[in-house]
Amino acid sequence: MWYVYILLCNGKTYYIGVTNDLRERLREHKEHRSFFTKQFKDIELVHQEWYPTKVSAEKREEQLKRWSNQKKQELIGGNSAGN
């Protein structure tokens, strides 16, 4: 199982990633072992989805990365009509 996840960093910046071990990946982010997120003090998991294959998860990750912050906020808030 593969996860696509969204982190909210310092309450203003979104980070979107893919992993097959969400718990370990979150630990890496919070322990500042991730290149992009190591600069942030506050890291919060705000959204996650699972996919059966890495390819399908990566497709979704690319889609989400193209979205505006407003559209990401709507997804996080429960309005997933933008899928």
PDB file of N, CA and C in Angstrom:
ATOM      1  N   MET A   1       0.834  -1.171   0.000  1.00  0.00           N
ATOM      2  CA  MET A   1       0.000   0.000   0.000  1.00  0.00           C
ATOM      3  C   MET A   1       0.887   1.245   0.000  1.00  0.00           C
ATOM      4  N   TRP A   2       0.504   2.224  -0.793  1.00  0.00           N
ATOM      5  CA  TRP A   2       1.260   3.475  -0.917  1.00  0.00           C
ATOM      6  C   TRP A   2       0.389   4.640  -0.472  1.00  0.00           C
ATOM      7  N   TYR A   3       0.999   5.592   0.185  1.00  0.00           N
ATOM      8  CA  TYR A   3       0.291   6.758   0.687  1.00  0.00           C
ATOM      9  C   TYR A   3       0.731   8.018  -0.043  1.00  0.00           C
ATOM     10  N   VAL A   4      -0.229   8.874  -0.310  1.00  0.00           N
ATOM     11  CA  VAL A   4       0.028  10.252  -0.708  1.00  0.00           C
ATOM     12  C   VAL A   4      -0.396  11.062   0.504  1.00  0.00           C
ATOM     13  N   TYR A   5       0.454  11.974   0.925  1.00  0.00           N
ATOM     14  CA  TYR A   5       0.141  12.723   2.134  1.00  0.00           C
ATOM     15  C   TYR A   5       0.469  14.199   1.949  1.00  0.00           C
ATOM     16  N   ILE A   6      -0.231  15.013   2.737  1.00  0.00           N
ATOM     17  CA  ILE A   6       0.003  16.450   2.734  1.00  0.00           C
ATOM     18  C   ILE A   6       0.357  16.864   4.154  1.00  0.00           C
ATOM     19  N   LEU A   7       1.457  17.583   4.263  1.00  0.00           N
ATOM     20  CA  LEU A   7       1.860  18.171   5.531  1.00  0.00           C
ATOM     21  C   LEU A   7       1.629  19.670   5.468  1.00  0.00           C
ATOM     22  N   LEU A   8       1.261  20.247   6.597  1.00  0.00           N
ATOM     23  CA  LEU A   8       1.209  21.697   6.737  1.00  0.00           C
ATOM     24  C   LEU A   8       2.392  22.079   7.605  1.00  0.00           C
ATOM     25  N   CYS A   9       3.269  22.893   7.045  1.00  0.00           N
ATOM     26  CA  CYS A   9       4.514  23.249   7.711  1.00  0.00           C
ATOM     27  C   CYS A   9       4.460  24.703   8.179  1.00  0.00           C
ATOM     28  N   ASN A  10       4.689  24.903   9.474  1.00  0.00           N
ATOM     29  CA  ASN A  10       4.644  26.229  10.096  1.00  0.00           C
ATOM     30  C   ASN A  10       3.334  26.957   9.798  1.00  0.00           C
ATOM     31  N   GLY A  11       2.260  26.184   9.611  1.00  0.00           N
ATOM     32  CA  GLY A  11       0.947  26.758   9.436  1.00  0.00           C
ATOM     33  C   GLY A  11       0.698  27.464   8.124  1.00  0.00           C
ATOM     34  N   LYS A  12       1.645  27.340   7.152  1.00  0.00           N
ATOM     35  CA  LYS A  12       1.447  28.095   5.911  1.00  0.00           C
ATOM     36  C   LYS A  12       1.944  27.418   4.639  1.00  0.00           C
ATOM     37  N   THR A  13       2.829  26.470   4.738  1.00  0.00           N
ATOM     38  CA  THR A  13       3.425  25.838   3.559  1.00  0.00           C
ATOM     39  C   THR A  13       3.002  24.381   3.479  1.00  0.00           C
ATOM     40  N   TYR A  14       2.564  23.967   2.298  1.00  0.00           N
ATOM     41  CA  TYR A  14       2.174  22.579   2.098  1.00  0.00           C
ATOM     42  C   TYR A  14       3.326  21.788   1.502  1.00  0.00           C
ATOM     43  N   TYR A  15       3.486  20.566   2.002  1.00  0.00           N
ATOM     44  CA  TYR A  15       4.443  19.606   1.452  1.00  0.00           C
ATOM     45  C   TYR A  15       3.631  18.374   1.073  1.00  0.00           C
ATOM     46  N   ILE A  16       3.823  17.893  -0.137  1.00  0.00           N
ATOM     47  CA  ILE A  16       3.106  16.706  -0.606  1.00  0.00           C
ATOM     48  C   ILE A  16       4.128  15.625  -0.930  1.00  0.00           C
ATOM     49  N   GLY A  17       3.892  14.421  -0.438  1.00  0.00           N
ATOM     50  CA  GLY A  17       4.833  13.338  -0.673  1.00  0.00           C
ATOM     51  C   GLY A  17       4.153  11.993  -0.847  1.00  0.00           C
ATOM     52  N   VAL A  18       4.968  10.992  -1.162  1.00  0.00           N
ATOM     53  CA  VAL A  18       4.519   9.612  -1.360  1.00  0.00           C
ATOM     54  C   VAL A  18       5.428   8.704  -0.538  1.00  0.00           C
ATOM     55  N   THR A  19       4.843   7.698   0.077  1.00  0.00           N
ATOM     56  CA  THR A  19       5.632   6.734   0.842  1.00  0.00           C
ATOM     57  C   THR A  19       4.848   5.430   0.982  1.00  0.00           C
ATOM     58  N   ASN A  20       5.564   4.367   1.270  1.00  0.00           N
ATOM     59  CA  ASN A  20       4.888   3.101   1.586  1.00  0.00           C
ATOM     60  C   ASN A  20       4.939   2.823   3.089  1.00  0.00           C
ATOM     61  N   ASP A  21       5.530   3.740   3.859  1.00  0.00           N
ATOM     62  CA  ASP A  21       5.588   3.628   5.324  1.00  0.00           C
ATOM     63  C   ASP A  21       5.339   5.012   5.906  1.00  0.00           C
ATOM     64  N   LEU A  22       4.078   5.354   6.069  1.00  0.00           N
ATOM     65  CA  LEU A  22       3.713   6.706   6.483  1.00  0.00           C
ATOM     66  C   LEU A  22       4.245   7.043   7.872  1.00  0.00           C
ATOM     67  N   ARG A  23       4.167   6.115   8.779  1.00  0.00           N
ATOM     68  CA  ARG A  23       4.636   6.373  10.149  1.00  0.00           C
ATOM     69  C   ARG A  23       6.124   6.722  10.158  1.00  0.00           C
ATOM     70  N   GLU A  24       6.936   5.954   9.454  1.00  0.00           N
ATOM     71  CA  GLU A  24       8.380   6.219   9.413  1.00  0.00           C
ATOM     72  C   GLU A  24       8.678   7.529   8.682  1.00  0.00           C
ATOM     73  N   ARG A  25       7.964   7.778   7.605  1.00  0.00           N
ATOM     74  CA  ARG A  25       8.199   9.011   6.842  1.00  0.00           C
ATOM     75  C   ARG A  25       7.858  10.247   7.675  1.00  0.00           C
ATOM     76  N   LEU A  26       6.785  10.185   8.450  1.00  0.00           N
ATOM     77  CA  LEU A  26       6.445  11.300   9.328  1.00  0.00           C
ATOM     78  C   LEU A  26       7.514  11.511  10.390  1.00  0.00           C
ATOM     79  N   ARG A  27       8.057  10.417  10.894  1.00  0.00           N
ATOM     80  CA  ARG A  27       9.132  10.517  11.873  1.00  0.00           C
ATOM     81  C   ARG A  27      10.338  11.223  11.252  1.00  0.00           C
ATOM     82  N   GLU A  28      10.671  10.877  10.027  1.00  0.00           N
ATOM     83  CA  GLU A  28      11.789  11.530   9.343  1.00  0.00           C
ATOM     84  C   GLU A  28      11.548  13.032   9.206  1.00  0.00           C
ATOM     85  N   HIS A  29      10.319  13.405   8.844  1.00  0.00           N
ATOM     86  CA  HIS A  29      10.005  14.830   8.721  1.00  0.00           C
ATOM     87  C   HIS A  29      10.143  15.533  10.075  1.00  0.00           C
ATOM     88  N   LYS A  30       9.586  14.948  11.098  1.00  0.00           N
ATOM     89  CA  LYS A  30       9.585  15.596  12.418  1.00  0.00           C
ATOM     90  C   LYS A  30      10.972  15.622  13.055  1.00  0.00           C
ATOM     91  N   GLU A  31      11.831  14.708  12.653  1.00  0.00           N
ATOM     92  CA  GLU A  31      13.211  14.694  13.167  1.00  0.00           C
ATOM     93  C   GLU A  31      14.152  15.466  12.255  1.00  0.00           C
ATOM     94  N   HIS A  32      13.591  16.209  11.311  1.00  0.00           N
ATOM     95  CA  HIS A  32      14.350  17.079  10.398  1.00  0.00           C
ATOM     96  C   HIS A  32      15.359  16.314   9.549  1.00  0.00           C
ATOM     97  N   ARG A  33      14.968  15.105   9.120  1.00  0.00           N
ATOM     98  CA  ARG A  33      15.823  14.297   8.246  1.00  0.00           C
ATOM     99  C   ARG A  33      15.362  14.340   6.789  1.00  0.00           C
ATOM    100  N   SER A  34      14.421  15.232   6.500  1.00  0.00           N
ATOM    101  CA  SER A  34      13.935  15.409   5.139  1.00  0.00           C
ATOM    102  C   SER A  34      14.438  16.746   4.622  1.00  0.00           C
ATOM    103  N   PHE A  35      14.986  16.758   3.428  1.00  0.00           N
ATOM    104  CA  PHE A  35      15.635  17.956   2.898  1.00  0.00           C
ATOM    105  C   PHE A  35      14.724  19.178   2.923  1.00  0.00           C
ATOM    106  N   PHE A  36      13.515  19.056   2.380  1.00  0.00           N
ATOM    107  CA  PHE A  36      12.647  20.220   2.291  1.00  0.00           C
ATOM    108  C   PHE A  36      12.079  20.626   3.641  1.00  0.00           C
ATOM    109  N   THR A  37      11.613  19.676   4.432  1.00  0.00           N
ATOM    110  CA  THR A  37      10.901  20.025   5.663  1.00  0.00           C
ATOM    111  C   THR A  37      11.818  20.271   6.851  1.00  0.00           C
ATOM    112  N   LYS A  38      13.105  20.054   6.714  1.00  0.00           N
ATOM    113  CA  LYS A  38      13.995  20.258   7.870  1.00  0.00           C
ATOM    114  C   LYS A  38      14.035  21.711   8.323  1.00  0.00           C
ATOM    115  N   GLN A  39      13.620  22.620   7.471  1.00  0.00           N
ATOM    116  CA  GLN A  39      13.638  24.042   7.815  1.00  0.00           C
ATOM    117  C   GLN A  39      12.443  24.469   8.665  1.00  0.00           C
ATOM    118  N   PHE A  40      11.459  23.585   8.851  1.00  0.00           N
ATOM    119  CA  PHE A  40      10.238  23.941   9.569  1.00  0.00           C
ATOM    120  C   PHE A  40      10.220  23.358  10.971  1.00  0.00           C
ATOM    121  N   LYS A  41       9.713  24.139  11.932  1.00  0.00           N
ATOM    122  CA  LYS A  41       9.606  23.672  13.315  1.00  0.00           C
ATOM    123  C   LYS A  41       8.312  22.913  13.555  1.00  0.00           C
ATOM    124  N   ASP A  42       7.230  23.378  12.944  1.00  0.00           N
ATOM    125  CA  ASP A  42       5.916  22.776  13.166  1.00  0.00           C
ATOM    126  C   ASP A  42       5.475  22.044  11.904  1.00  0.00           C
ATOM    127  N   ILE A  43       5.334  20.731  12.005  1.00  0.00           N
ATOM    128  CA  ILE A  43       4.930  19.903  10.868  1.00  0.00           C
ATOM    129  C   ILE A  43       3.716  19.091  11.293  1.00  0.00           C
ATOM    130  N   GLU A  44       2.630  19.228  10.527  1.00  0.00           N
ATOM    131  CA  GLU A  44       1.376  18.559  10.864  1.00  0.00           C
ATOM    132  C   GLU A  44       0.847  17.794   9.654  1.00  0.00           C
ATOM    133  N   LEU A  45       0.518  16.531   9.846  1.00  0.00           N
ATOM    134  CA  LEU A  45      -0.129  15.739   8.808  1.00  0.00           C
ATOM    135  C   LEU A  45      -1.579  16.192   8.721  1.00  0.00           C
ATOM    136  N   VAL A  46      -1.989  16.693   7.543  1.00  0.00           N
ATOM    137  CA  VAL A  46      -3.344  17.219   7.403  1.00  0.00           C
ATOM    138  C   VAL A  46      -4.200  16.415   6.431  1.00  0.00           C
ATOM    139  N   HIS A  47      -3.571  15.534   5.653  1.00  0.00           N
ATOM    140  CA  HIS A  47      -4.343  14.742   4.693  1.00  0.00           C
ATOM    141  C   HIS A  47      -3.535  13.527   4.281  1.00  0.00           C
ATOM    142  N   GLN A  48      -4.245  12.410   4.070  1.00  0.00           N
ATOM    143  CA  GLN A  48      -3.596  11.207   3.548  1.00  0.00           C
ATOM    144  C   GLN A  48      -4.581  10.413   2.701  1.00  0.00           C
ATOM    145  N   GLU A  49      -4.062   9.759   1.697  1.00  0.00           N
ATOM    146  CA  GLU A  49      -4.831   8.877   0.825  1.00  0.00           C
ATOM    147  C   GLU A  49      -3.969   7.643   0.579  1.00  0.00           C
ATOM    148  N   TRP A  50      -4.591   6.515   0.346  1.00  0.00           N
ATOM    149  CA  TRP A  50      -3.787   5.329   0.023  1.00  0.00           C
ATOM    150  C   TRP A  50      -4.126   4.828  -1.369  1.00  0.00           C
ATOM    151  N   TYR A  51      -3.110   4.208  -1.974  1.00  0.00           N
ATOM    152  CA  TYR A  51      -3.218   3.685  -3.335  1.00  0.00           C
ATOM    153  C   TYR A  51      -2.555   2.313  -3.382  1.00  0.00           C
ATOM    154  N   PRO A  52      -3.045   1.436  -4.250  1.00  0.00           N
ATOM    155  CA  PRO A  52      -2.505   0.066  -4.289  1.00  0.00           C
ATOM    156  C   PRO A  52      -1.127  -0.038  -4.933  1.00  0.00           C
ATOM    157  N   THR A  53      -0.767   0.937  -5.781  1.00  0.00           N
ATOM    158  CA  THR A  53       0.537   0.858  -6.454  1.00  0.00           C
ATOM    159  C   THR A  53       1.292   2.177  -6.323  1.00  0.00           C
ATOM    160  N   LYS A  54       2.589   2.091  -6.442  1.00  0.00           N
ATOM    161  CA  LYS A  54       3.428   3.287  -6.391  1.00  0.00           C
ATOM    162  C   LYS A  54       3.106   4.218  -7.558  1.00  0.00           C
ATOM    163  N   VAL A  55       2.879   3.651  -8.721  1.00  0.00           N
ATOM    164  CA  VAL A  55       2.581   4.454  -9.908  1.00  0.00           C
ATOM    165  C   VAL A  55       1.310   5.276  -9.700  1.00  0.00           C
ATOM    166  N   SER A  56       0.262   4.655  -9.172  1.00  0.00           N
ATOM    167  CA  SER A  56      -0.987   5.392  -8.963  1.00  0.00           C
ATOM    168  C   SER A  56      -0.814   6.482  -7.902  1.00  0.00           C
ATOM    169  N   ALA A  57      -0.028   6.197  -6.879  1.00  0.00           N
ATOM    170  CA  ALA A  57       0.237   7.204  -5.848  1.00  0.00           C
ATOM    171  C   ALA A  57       1.043   8.370  -6.413  1.00  0.00           C
ATOM    172  N   GLU A  58       2.023   8.077  -7.243  1.00  0.00           N
ATOM    173  CA  GLU A  58       2.835   9.136  -7.838  1.00  0.00           C
ATOM    174  C   GLU A  58       2.020  10.009  -8.788  1.00  0.00           C
ATOM    175  N   LYS A  59       1.075   9.411  -9.489  1.00  0.00           N
ATOM    176  CA  LYS A  59       0.193  10.197 -10.366  1.00  0.00           C
ATOM    177  C   LYS A  59      -0.627  11.178  -9.538  1.00  0.00           C
ATOM    178  N   ARG A  60      -1.155  10.696  -8.432  1.00  0.00           N
ATOM    179  CA  ARG A  60      -1.950  11.573  -7.563  1.00  0.00           C
ATOM    180  C   ARG A  60      -1.083  12.668  -6.942  1.00  0.00           C
ATOM    181  N   GLU A  61       0.122  12.316  -6.545  1.00  0.00           N
ATOM    182  CA  GLU A  61       1.041  13.309  -5.981  1.00  0.00           C
ATOM    183  C   GLU A  61       1.289  14.436  -6.990  1.00  0.00           C
ATOM    184  N   GLU A  62       1.562  14.083  -8.221  1.00  0.00           N
ATOM    185  CA  GLU A  62       1.804  15.089  -9.258  1.00  0.00           C
ATOM    186  C   GLU A  62       0.577  15.964  -9.464  1.00  0.00           C
ATOM    187  N   GLN A  63      -0.602  15.356  -9.437  1.00  0.00           N
ATOM    188  CA  GLN A  63      -1.836  16.125  -9.588  1.00  0.00           C
ATOM    189  C   GLN A  63      -1.976  17.139  -8.454  1.00  0.00           C
ATOM    190  N   LEU A  64      -1.799  16.685  -7.229  1.00  0.00           N
ATOM    191  CA  LEU A  64      -1.956  17.570  -6.076  1.00  0.00           C
ATOM    192  C   LEU A  64      -0.925  18.704  -6.076  1.00  0.00           C
ATOM    193  N   LYS A  65       0.272  18.411  -6.518  1.00  0.00           N
ATOM    194  CA  LYS A  65       1.310  19.445  -6.542  1.00  0.00           C
ATOM    195  C   LYS A  65       0.972  20.569  -7.521  1.00  0.00           C
ATOM    196  N   ARG A  66       0.165  20.281  -8.521  1.00  0.00           N
ATOM    197  CA  ARG A  66      -0.238  21.316  -9.479  1.00  0.00           C
ATOM    198  C   ARG A  66      -1.401  22.165  -8.967  1.00  0.00           C
ATOM    199  N   TRP A  67      -2.076  21.711  -7.938  1.00  0.00           N
ATOM    200  CA  TRP A  67      -3.232  22.421  -7.413  1.00  0.00           C
ATOM    201  C   TRP A  67      -2.831  23.711  -6.707  1.00  0.00           C
ATOM    202  N   SER A  68      -3.734  24.674  -6.698  1.00  0.00           N
ATOM    203  CA  SER A  68      -3.540  25.904  -5.933  1.00  0.00           C
ATOM    204  C   SER A  68      -3.670  25.590  -4.440  1.00  0.00           C
ATOM    205  N   ASN A  69      -3.165  26.497  -3.606  1.00  0.00           N
ATOM    206  CA  ASN A  69      -3.321  26.309  -2.165  1.00  0.00           C
ATOM    207  C   ASN A  69      -4.787  26.277  -1.770  1.00  0.00           C
ATOM    208  N   GLN A  70      -5.615  27.063  -2.423  1.00  0.00           N
ATOM    209  CA  GLN A  70      -7.039  27.076  -2.112  1.00  0.00           C
ATOM    210  C   GLN A  70      -7.662  25.704  -2.368  1.00  0.00           C
ATOM    211  N   LYS A  71      -7.323  25.102  -3.484  1.00  0.00           N
ATOM    212  CA  LYS A  71      -7.871  23.785  -3.818  1.00  0.00           C
ATOM    213  C   LYS A  71      -7.372  22.728  -2.828  1.00  0.00           C
ATOM    214  N   LYS A  72      -6.109  22.826  -2.405  1.00  0.00           N
ATOM    215  CA  LYS A  72      -5.576  21.905  -1.394  1.00  0.00           C
ATOM    216  C   LYS A  72      -6.333  22.077  -0.085  1.00  0.00           C
ATOM    217  N   GLN A  73      -6.604  23.329   0.290  1.00  0.00           N
ATOM    218  CA  GLN A  73      -7.345  23.597   1.532  1.00  0.00           C
ATOM    219  C   GLN A  73      -8.745  23.011   1.464  1.00  0.00           C
ATOM    220  N   GLU A  74      -9.375  23.088   0.307  1.00  0.00           N
ATOM    221  CA  GLU A  74     -10.707  22.504   0.152  1.00  0.00           C
ATOM    222  C   GLU A  74     -10.661  20.990   0.303  1.00  0.00           C
ATOM    223  N   LEU A  75      -9.654  20.355  -0.256  1.00  0.00           N
ATOM    224  CA  LEU A  75      -9.496  18.913  -0.107  1.00  0.00           C
ATOM    225  C   LEU A  75      -9.295  18.551   1.361  1.00  0.00           C
ATOM    226  N   ILE A  76      -8.425  19.271   2.027  1.00  0.00           N
ATOM    227  CA  ILE A  76      -8.131  19.019   3.430  1.00  0.00           C
ATOM    228  C   ILE A  76      -9.371  19.238   4.294  1.00  0.00           C
ATOM    229  N   GLY A  77     -10.160  20.254   3.910  1.00  0.00           N
ATOM    230  CA  GLY A  77     -11.372  20.566   4.660  1.00  0.00           C
ATOM    231  C   GLY A  77     -12.533  19.616   4.397  1.00  0.00           C
ATOM    232  N   GLY A  78     -12.364  18.695   3.469  1.00  0.00           N
ATOM    233  CA  GLY A  78     -13.393  17.694   3.217  1.00  0.00           C
ATOM    234  C   GLY A  78     -14.152  17.885   1.919  1.00  0.00           C
ATOM    235  N   ASN A  79     -13.873  18.953   1.201  1.00  0.00           N
ATOM    236  CA  ASN A  79     -14.529  19.161  -0.084  1.00  0.00           C
ATOM    237  C   ASN A  79     -13.634  18.575  -1.168  1.00  0.00           C
ATOM    238  N   SER A  80     -13.845  17.324  -1.514  1.00  0.00           N
ATOM    239  CA  SER A  80     -12.976  16.634  -2.463  1.00  0.00           C
ATOM    240  C   SER A  80     -13.523  16.675  -3.877  1.00  0.00           C
ATOM    241  N   ALA A  81     -14.415  17.588  -4.155  1.00  0.00           N
ATOM    242  CA  ALA A  81     -15.007  17.672  -5.491  1.00  0.00           C
ATOM    243  C   ALA A  81     -13.971  17.972  -6.573  1.00  0.00           C
ATOM    244  N   GLY A  82     -12.830  18.513  -6.183  1.00  0.00           N
ATOM    245  CA  GLY A  82     -11.810  18.861  -7.147  1.00  0.00           C
ATOM    246  C   GLY A  82     -10.949  17.714  -7.626  1.00  0.00           C
ATOM    247  N   ASN A  83     -11.249  16.496  -7.207  1.00  0.00           N
ATOM    248  CA  ASN A  83     -10.422  15.349  -7.599  1.00  0.00           C
ATOM    249  C   ASN A  83     -10.325  15.228  -9.053  1.00  0.00           C
TER     250      ASN A  83
END
